[in-house]
N, C-alpha and C. Protein backbone atom coordinates (compact mmCIF):
# COMPACT_ATOMS: atom_id res chain seq x y z
N MET A 1 -2.24 -7.14 -14.97
CA MET A 1 -2.13 -5.93 -15.84
C MET A 1 -1.70 -4.84 -15.09
N LEU A 2 -0.44 -4.53 -15.00
CA LEU A 2 0.12 -3.55 -14.17
C LEU A 2 0.63 -2.32 -15.07
N ASP A 3 0.37 -1.12 -14.53
CA ASP A 3 0.93 -0.03 -15.37
C ASP A 3 2.46 -0.22 -14.85
N GLN A 4 3.45 -0.11 -15.84
CA GLN A 4 4.67 -0.37 -15.52
C GLN A 4 5.34 0.78 -14.77
N LYS A 5 5.03 1.92 -15.00
CA LYS A 5 5.55 3.15 -14.08
C LYS A 5 5.09 3.03 -12.72
N LEU A 6 3.79 2.66 -12.50
CA LEU A 6 3.23 2.49 -11.21
C LEU A 6 3.71 1.32 -10.45
N LYS A 7 4.12 0.19 -11.20
CA LYS A 7 4.57 -1.07 -10.75
C LYS A 7 5.99 -0.70 -10.28
N ASN A 8 6.84 0.13 -11.09
CA ASN A 8 8.17 0.46 -10.51
C ASN A 8 8.20 1.25 -9.31
N ARG A 9 7.20 2.12 -9.19
CA ARG A 9 7.06 3.11 -8.01
C ARG A 9 6.70 2.30 -6.89
N ALA A 10 5.78 1.12 -7.09
CA ALA A 10 5.37 0.47 -5.92
C ALA A 10 6.50 -0.52 -5.34
N VAL A 11 7.20 -0.98 -6.35
CA VAL A 11 8.22 -1.89 -5.92
C VAL A 11 9.38 -1.09 -5.26
N HIS A 12 9.75 0.01 -5.68
CA HIS A 12 10.63 0.89 -5.07
C HIS A 12 10.34 1.14 -3.55
N ARG A 13 8.96 1.62 -3.50
CA ARG A 13 8.39 1.94 -2.17
C ARG A 13 8.38 0.81 -1.20
N ALA A 14 7.96 -0.54 -1.73
CA ALA A 14 8.01 -1.61 -0.92
C ALA A 14 9.50 -1.84 -0.52
N LYS A 15 10.47 -1.81 -1.32
CA LYS A 15 11.93 -2.00 -0.83
C LYS A 15 12.47 -1.03 0.22
N ILE A 16 11.86 0.20 0.07
CA ILE A 16 12.04 1.24 1.13
C ILE A 16 11.72 0.79 2.40
N ILE A 17 10.27 0.36 2.38
CA ILE A 17 9.56 -0.16 3.55
C ILE A 17 10.22 -1.26 4.23
N ARG A 18 10.75 -2.20 3.49
CA ARG A 18 11.50 -3.38 3.97
C ARG A 18 12.71 -2.86 4.64
N GLY A 19 13.46 -1.90 4.05
CA GLY A 19 14.70 -1.34 4.79
C GLY A 19 14.34 -0.71 6.10
N GLN A 20 13.07 0.04 5.92
CA GLN A 20 12.71 0.73 7.34
C GLN A 20 12.20 -0.31 8.36
N LEU A 21 11.66 -1.32 7.97
CA LEU A 21 11.40 -2.46 8.87
C LEU A 21 12.59 -3.15 9.44
N ASP A 22 13.39 -3.29 8.60
CA ASP A 22 14.69 -3.91 9.13
C ASP A 22 15.43 -2.94 10.21
N GLY A 23 15.39 -1.79 9.97
CA GLY A 23 16.01 -0.88 10.86
C GLY A 23 15.32 -0.70 12.09
N LEU A 24 13.91 -0.91 12.09
CA LEU A 24 13.14 -0.78 13.23
C LEU A 24 13.41 -2.06 14.25
N VAL A 25 13.46 -3.38 13.49
CA VAL A 25 13.91 -4.42 14.19
C VAL A 25 15.25 -4.56 14.74
N HIS A 26 16.27 -3.90 14.20
CA HIS A 26 17.43 -3.66 14.84
C HIS A 26 17.35 -2.75 15.91
N ALA A 27 16.68 -1.77 15.84
CA ALA A 27 16.55 -0.66 16.90
C ALA A 27 15.87 -1.42 18.17
N ILE A 28 15.00 -2.14 17.82
CA ILE A 28 14.24 -2.89 19.07
C ILE A 28 15.34 -3.84 19.69
N GLU A 29 16.01 -4.53 18.82
CA GLU A 29 17.10 -5.43 19.45
C GLU A 29 18.15 -4.61 20.34
N LYS A 30 18.30 -3.49 19.86
CA LYS A 30 19.35 -2.67 20.51
C LYS A 30 18.79 -1.88 21.74
N GLU A 31 17.39 -2.14 21.98
CA GLU A 31 16.53 -1.39 22.90
C GLU A 31 16.81 0.11 22.96
N VAL A 32 16.44 0.56 21.79
CA VAL A 32 16.56 2.10 21.62
C VAL A 32 15.27 2.61 22.23
N TYR A 33 15.37 3.89 22.72
CA TYR A 33 14.38 4.62 23.54
C TYR A 33 13.02 4.50 22.74
N CYS A 34 11.98 4.15 23.64
CA CYS A 34 10.71 3.77 23.08
C CYS A 34 10.10 4.86 22.13
N PRO A 35 10.12 6.18 22.42
CA PRO A 35 9.55 7.16 21.54
C PRO A 35 10.17 7.10 20.16
N THR A 36 11.64 6.80 20.17
CA THR A 36 12.21 6.66 18.88
C THR A 36 11.67 5.51 18.05
N LEU A 37 11.46 4.42 18.77
CA LEU A 37 10.88 3.33 18.15
C LEU A 37 9.39 3.57 17.57
N LEU A 38 8.80 4.28 18.28
CA LEU A 38 7.44 4.62 17.76
C LEU A 38 7.35 5.53 16.63
N GLU A 39 8.34 6.68 16.62
CA GLU A 39 8.55 7.34 15.52
C GLU A 39 8.74 6.52 14.20
N GLN A 40 9.79 5.65 14.38
CA GLN A 40 10.00 4.65 13.28
C GLN A 40 8.83 3.91 12.85
N SER A 41 8.04 3.35 13.73
CA SER A 41 6.83 2.55 13.49
C SER A 41 5.95 3.31 12.65
N LEU A 42 5.82 4.67 13.23
CA LEU A 42 4.76 5.53 12.46
C LEU A 42 5.21 5.85 11.16
N SER A 43 6.54 6.05 11.05
CA SER A 43 7.06 6.34 9.70
C SER A 43 6.77 5.31 8.69
N ILE A 44 7.01 3.90 9.20
CA ILE A 44 6.54 2.82 8.53
C ILE A 44 5.13 2.88 8.01
N GLN A 45 4.31 3.09 8.92
CA GLN A 45 2.92 3.10 8.66
C GLN A 45 2.51 4.08 7.50
N ARG A 46 3.14 5.34 7.52
CA ARG A 46 2.97 6.23 6.51
C ARG A 46 3.55 5.70 5.22
N SER A 47 4.48 5.12 5.35
CA SER A 47 5.09 4.64 4.09
C SER A 47 4.11 3.49 3.32
N LEU A 48 3.48 2.74 4.23
CA LEU A 48 2.55 1.73 3.79
C LEU A 48 1.41 2.27 3.07
N LYS A 49 1.06 3.52 3.79
CA LYS A 49 -0.11 4.13 3.22
C LYS A 49 0.17 4.73 1.73
N SER A 50 1.30 5.16 1.66
CA SER A 50 1.87 5.64 0.41
C SER A 50 1.83 4.62 -0.73
N LEU A 51 2.31 3.35 -0.21
CA LEU A 51 2.30 2.16 -1.02
C LEU A 51 0.86 1.85 -1.59
N ASP A 52 -0.04 1.85 -0.57
CA ASP A 52 -1.38 1.52 -0.82
C ASP A 52 -1.95 2.55 -1.86
N GLY A 53 -1.54 3.70 -1.89
CA GLY A 53 -2.05 4.59 -2.75
C GLY A 53 -1.61 4.20 -4.13
N PHE A 54 -0.31 3.88 -4.37
CA PHE A 54 0.12 3.40 -5.57
C PHE A 54 -0.52 2.21 -6.25
N LEU A 55 -0.86 1.18 -5.18
CA LEU A 55 -1.66 0.04 -5.65
C LEU A 55 -2.98 0.29 -6.00
N LEU A 56 -3.60 1.19 -5.31
CA LEU A 56 -4.95 1.60 -5.56
C LEU A 56 -5.13 2.39 -6.90
N GLU A 57 -4.25 3.26 -7.13
CA GLU A 57 -4.23 3.94 -8.35
C GLU A 57 -4.00 3.03 -9.54
N ASN A 58 -3.02 2.00 -9.48
CA ASN A 58 -2.93 1.14 -10.49
C ASN A 58 -4.19 0.23 -10.64
N HIS A 59 -4.77 -0.10 -9.58
CA HIS A 59 -6.18 -0.92 -9.66
C HIS A 59 -7.33 -0.10 -10.54
N LEU A 60 -7.28 1.15 -10.13
CA LEU A 60 -8.39 1.94 -10.63
C LEU A 60 -8.07 2.26 -12.13
N ARG A 61 -6.72 2.53 -12.48
CA ARG A 61 -6.42 2.79 -13.90
C ARG A 61 -6.37 1.56 -14.82
N THR A 62 -6.31 0.50 -14.27
CA THR A 62 -6.23 -0.89 -15.12
C THR A 62 -7.47 -1.65 -15.01
N HIS A 63 -7.55 -2.24 -13.96
CA HIS A 63 -8.72 -3.39 -13.69
C HIS A 63 -10.08 -2.61 -13.52
N VAL A 64 -10.24 -1.61 -12.78
CA VAL A 64 -11.49 -0.96 -12.54
C VAL A 64 -11.90 -0.36 -13.97
N LYS A 65 -11.07 0.16 -14.43
CA LYS A 65 -11.42 0.87 -15.81
C LYS A 65 -11.96 0.00 -16.81
N HIS A 66 -11.11 -1.24 -16.94
CA HIS A 66 -11.47 -2.27 -17.79
C HIS A 66 -13.13 -2.91 -17.35
N GLN A 67 -13.11 -3.17 -16.09
CA GLN A 67 -14.26 -3.73 -15.51
C GLN A 67 -15.50 -2.90 -15.91
N MET A 68 -15.33 -1.55 -15.88
CA MET A 68 -16.51 -0.61 -15.80
C MET A 68 -16.95 -0.62 -17.38
N GLN A 69 -16.03 -0.82 -18.41
CA GLN A 69 -16.25 -0.71 -19.67
C GLN A 69 -16.74 -2.04 -20.18
N SER A 70 -16.59 -3.11 -19.40
CA SER A 70 -17.15 -4.42 -19.77
C SER A 70 -18.49 -4.78 -19.30
N LYS A 71 -19.43 -5.27 -20.12
CA LYS A 71 -20.78 -5.22 -19.61
C LYS A 71 -20.77 -6.32 -18.56
N GLY A 72 -21.58 -6.09 -17.71
CA GLY A 72 -21.63 -7.10 -16.43
C GLY A 72 -20.61 -7.04 -15.34
N SER A 73 -19.36 -6.35 -15.70
CA SER A 73 -18.22 -6.42 -14.73
C SER A 73 -18.44 -5.21 -13.75
N GLY A 74 -19.04 -4.22 -14.02
CA GLY A 74 -19.12 -3.09 -13.07
C GLY A 74 -19.47 -3.32 -11.59
N GLU A 75 -20.37 -4.27 -11.48
CA GLU A 75 -20.76 -4.61 -10.01
C GLU A 75 -19.64 -5.27 -9.29
N LYS A 76 -18.80 -5.94 -10.02
CA LYS A 76 -17.54 -6.63 -9.43
C LYS A 76 -16.58 -5.52 -8.88
N ALA A 77 -16.41 -4.56 -9.74
CA ALA A 77 -15.53 -3.53 -9.46
C ALA A 77 -15.90 -2.69 -8.18
N ILE A 78 -17.34 -2.62 -8.28
CA ILE A 78 -17.74 -1.76 -6.97
C ILE A 78 -17.73 -2.40 -5.74
N LYS A 79 -17.93 -3.93 -5.84
CA LYS A 79 -17.83 -4.63 -4.58
C LYS A 79 -16.43 -4.63 -4.10
N GLU A 80 -15.45 -4.82 -5.03
CA GLU A 80 -14.08 -4.92 -4.64
C GLU A 80 -13.70 -3.52 -4.08
N LEU A 81 -14.02 -2.43 -4.58
CA LEU A 81 -13.68 -1.14 -3.92
C LEU A 81 -14.24 -0.90 -2.64
N ILE A 82 -15.52 -1.31 -2.48
CA ILE A 82 -16.21 -1.19 -1.07
C ILE A 82 -15.60 -2.15 -0.20
N ARG A 83 -15.20 -3.27 -0.53
CA ARG A 83 -14.29 -4.16 0.39
C ARG A 83 -12.90 -3.55 0.74
N ILE A 84 -12.28 -2.64 -0.23
CA ILE A 84 -11.07 -2.15 0.18
C ILE A 84 -11.33 -1.00 1.04
N TYR A 85 -12.21 -0.14 0.79
CA TYR A 85 -12.69 0.96 1.59
C TYR A 85 -12.98 0.57 2.99
N THR A 86 -13.70 -0.50 3.11
CA THR A 86 -14.01 -1.17 4.50
C THR A 86 -12.86 -1.54 5.25
N LEU A 87 -11.91 -2.22 4.48
CA LEU A 87 -10.70 -2.76 5.32
C LEU A 87 -9.76 -1.51 5.75
N SER A 88 -9.81 -0.44 4.83
CA SER A 88 -8.89 0.79 5.13
C SER A 88 -9.52 1.54 6.28
N ASN A 89 -10.70 1.41 6.69
CA ASN A 89 -11.35 2.27 7.87
C ASN A 89 -11.49 1.40 9.11
N LYS A 90 -10.76 0.18 9.10
CA LYS A 90 -10.93 -0.66 10.39
C LYS A 90 -9.85 -0.23 11.49
């Protein structure tokens, strides 16, 4: 159950990231100056965080909202969010 607007934004962002990653691979192969490679890598990481935000927003607006309204499913939503939070802070 994906919000179509968020889905489109997430797919668009993922395609941009794929292009950025392809560019980084090409730059590494060409032996571009290391600080430039690091800048590209850090830019990709920021883009991934942006994608994570879209995915989390969708999850909260759809699945978590539904789980919190369904009797007995709230605990599952809480556990999922704690797991995501823990992974994001490693």
